Amino acid sequence: MKPTKSRNQLIYNPTFHTRSKQLGSQLSEELRKKYGKKSVRVIEGDSIKIVRGEFKGVDGKISKVSTKKSSVSVEGVKKEKTKGDKFDVYIHTSNLLVTGLNTEDKWRIAKLEGKKPSEKPKKVIEKTPKKENITKETKVAKTQKKEVEK
């Protein structure tokens, strides 16, 4: 298969997991330092700043994510039709900078921090000593006390 054909398949007819990867956006400097990652897949509720295009410099939250268009709708970013109706403007994720993350998804945060989300924290179970062990220990302690007193 020609390289152009395979490249065009990835762009115009991608699989679901490839489309999800195309919804990535850059992280701000503070988040880069915190998580050690350069980019992240955007979801609804993330705080963003528009870096390029007509609405450059606008801050807002993501209200809708369109995997079909590889773009997102931002709260407060709307255009007006000639009749006066307003509609959402979809902005490509490459033109965004993520300034705040939606932390409701614990799996996503664990993945960003580099932890394995499937592993649960190990619980430490302390075993209570049996009565036999206690009686032997007390007998030994008593004999040691007698030897010290002598």
Protein backbone atom coordinates (compact mmCIF):
# COMPACT_ATOMS: atom_id res chain seq x y z
CA MET A 1 0.00 0.00 0.00
CA LYS A 2 1.30 3.46 -0.84
CA PRO A 3 2.30 5.70 2.06
CA THR A 4 -0.14 8.40 0.96
CA LYS A 5 -3.02 5.94 0.99
CA SER A 6 -2.24 4.65 4.49
CA ARG A 7 -1.73 8.21 5.76
CA ASN A 8 -5.05 9.32 4.30
CA GLN A 9 -6.79 6.36 5.93
CA LEU A 10 -5.45 7.50 9.32
CA ILE A 11 -6.65 11.05 8.71
CA TYR A 12 -10.00 10.62 6.98
CA ASN A 13 -11.18 7.18 8.11
CA PRO A 14 -9.44 6.38 11.42
CA THR A 15 -10.38 3.72 13.97
CA PHE A 16 -11.92 4.76 17.29
CA HIS A 17 -8.71 4.54 19.33
CA THR A 18 -6.79 6.49 16.67
CA ARG A 19 -9.50 9.16 16.66
CA SER A 20 -9.22 9.38 20.44
CA LYS A 21 -5.46 9.97 20.17
CA GLN A 22 -6.13 12.79 17.69
CA LEU A 23 -8.09 14.62 20.43
CA GLY A 24 -4.92 15.43 22.33
CA SER A 25 -3.96 18.94 23.35
CA GLN A 26 -0.91 20.57 24.94
CA LEU A 27 -0.65 21.04 28.71
CA SER A 28 0.26 24.36 30.33
CA GLU A 29 3.71 24.82 31.88
CA GLU A 30 2.48 24.19 35.45
CA LEU A 31 0.70 20.97 34.48
CA ARG A 32 3.74 19.82 32.49
CA LYS A 33 5.91 20.17 35.57
CA LYS A 34 3.33 18.47 37.79
CA TYR A 35 2.62 15.41 35.61
CA GLY A 36 5.76 15.21 33.45
CA LYS A 37 3.69 14.98 30.25
CA LYS A 38 3.50 17.36 27.31
CA SER A 39 -0.02 16.62 26.10
CA VAL A 40 -3.25 14.96 27.20
CA ARG A 41 -6.52 13.83 25.65
CA VAL A 42 -9.17 16.47 26.34
CA ILE A 43 -12.54 15.65 27.93
CA GLU A 44 -15.60 17.65 28.93
CA GLY A 45 -14.95 19.87 31.94
CA ASP A 46 -11.28 20.64 31.22
CA SER A 47 -10.30 24.31 31.45
CA ILE A 48 -8.59 25.52 28.29
CA LYS A 49 -7.17 28.58 26.61
CA ILE A 50 -7.50 29.09 22.85
CA VAL A 51 -4.05 29.73 21.37
CA ARG A 52 -4.80 30.19 17.66
CA GLY A 53 -7.60 31.30 15.41
CA GLU A 54 -10.44 33.80 15.56
CA PHE A 55 -11.04 33.33 19.30
CA LYS A 56 -7.37 33.53 20.31
CA GLY A 57 -6.85 34.33 24.00
CA VAL A 58 -10.30 33.17 25.17
CA ASP A 59 -10.41 31.05 28.36
CA GLY A 60 -13.22 28.61 29.02
CA LYS A 61 -14.35 25.09 29.78
CA ILE A 62 -14.99 22.35 27.25
CA SER A 63 -18.72 21.73 26.90
CA LYS A 64 -18.77 19.15 24.07
CA VAL A 65 -16.20 16.89 22.43
CA SER A 66 -16.72 15.86 18.81
CA THR A 67 -14.62 12.84 17.85
CA LYS A 68 -15.98 13.04 14.30
CA LYS A 69 -14.55 16.54 13.79
CA SER A 70 -11.53 16.08 16.13
CA SER A 71 -12.57 19.31 17.80
CA VAL A 72 -14.30 20.68 20.88
CA SER A 73 -16.96 23.21 21.75
CA VAL A 74 -16.04 25.76 24.41
CA GLU A 75 -18.48 27.48 26.80
CA GLY A 76 -18.95 31.11 25.82
CA VAL A 77 -17.55 30.73 22.29
CA LYS A 78 -20.46 31.16 19.90
CA LYS A 79 -21.12 32.74 16.52
CA GLU A 80 -24.24 34.52 15.40
CA LYS A 81 -26.20 33.73 12.25
CA THR A 82 -27.72 36.48 10.11
CA LYS A 83 -31.15 35.81 11.62
CA GLY A 84 -29.77 36.27 15.14
CA ASP A 85 -29.51 32.60 16.18
CA LYS A 86 -26.33 31.59 18.01
CA PHE A 87 -24.47 28.32 17.48
CA ASP A 88 -21.43 26.61 18.99
CA VAL A 89 -18.07 27.00 17.29
CA TYR A 90 -15.96 23.83 17.19
CA ILE A 91 -12.23 24.43 17.65
CA HIS A 92 -9.57 21.87 16.72
CA THR A 93 -7.72 20.46 19.74
CA SER A 94 -4.31 21.39 18.32
CA ASN A 95 -5.26 25.07 18.79
CA LEU A 96 -5.87 24.66 22.54
CA LEU A 97 -3.78 24.80 25.70
CA VAL A 98 -5.10 22.85 28.70
CA THR A 99 -4.86 25.01 31.84
CA GLY A 100 -6.93 22.85 34.23
CA LEU A 101 -7.95 19.20 34.27
CA ASN A 102 -11.30 17.65 35.11
CA THR A 103 -10.34 15.44 38.09
CA GLU A 104 -13.57 13.43 38.33
CA ASP A 105 -12.00 10.49 36.46
CA LYS A 106 -9.59 8.88 38.94
CA TRP A 107 -8.30 6.44 36.29
CA ARG A 108 -7.24 9.34 34.06
CA ILE A 109 -5.40 11.12 36.89
CA ALA A 110 -3.62 7.90 37.94
CA LYS A 111 -2.55 7.38 34.33
CA LEU A 112 -1.20 10.94 34.13
CA GLU A 113 0.76 10.53 37.37
CA GLY A 114 2.39 7.39 36.00
CA LYS A 115 0.66 4.93 38.31
CA LYS A 116 -1.02 1.76 37.13
CA PRO A 117 -4.76 2.47 37.46
CA SER A 118 -5.68 -1.22 37.52
CA GLU A 119 -3.64 -1.93 40.66
CA LYS A 120 -5.33 -1.25 43.96
CA PRO A 121 -3.28 -0.11 46.94
CA LYS A 122 -2.07 -3.06 48.99
CA LYS A 123 -3.66 -3.44 52.40
CA VAL A 124 -1.45 -4.42 55.31
CA ILE A 125 -3.09 -7.12 57.39
CA GLU A 126 -1.70 -7.53 60.91
CA LYS A 127 -2.08 -10.97 62.39
CA THR A 128 -3.01 -11.19 66.04
CA PRO A 129 -0.73 -13.52 68.00
CA LYS A 130 -2.22 -16.75 69.24
CA LYS A 131 -2.71 -17.37 72.95
CA GLU A 132 -0.08 -20.13 73.00
CA ASN A 133 2.59 -17.70 71.79
CA ILE A 134 1.60 -15.16 74.43
CA THR A 135 1.87 -17.65 77.29
CA LYS A 136 5.30 -18.84 76.12
CA GLU A 137 6.52 -15.25 75.78
CA THR A 138 5.31 -14.36 79.28
CA LYS A 139 6.97 -17.45 80.77
CA VAL A 140 10.25 -16.54 79.08
CA ALA A 141 9.95 -12.95 80.27
CA LYS A 142 9.30 -14.11 83.86
CA THR A 143 12.35 -16.38 83.87
CA GLN A 144 14.50 -13.54 82.51
CA LYS A 145 13.28 -11.23 85.28
CA LYS A 146 14.24 -13.83 87.93
CA GLU A 147 17.73 -14.14 86.42
CA VAL A 148 18.15 -10.34 86.44
CA GLU A 149 17.06 -10.12 90.09
CA LYS A 150 19.67 -12.75 91.14
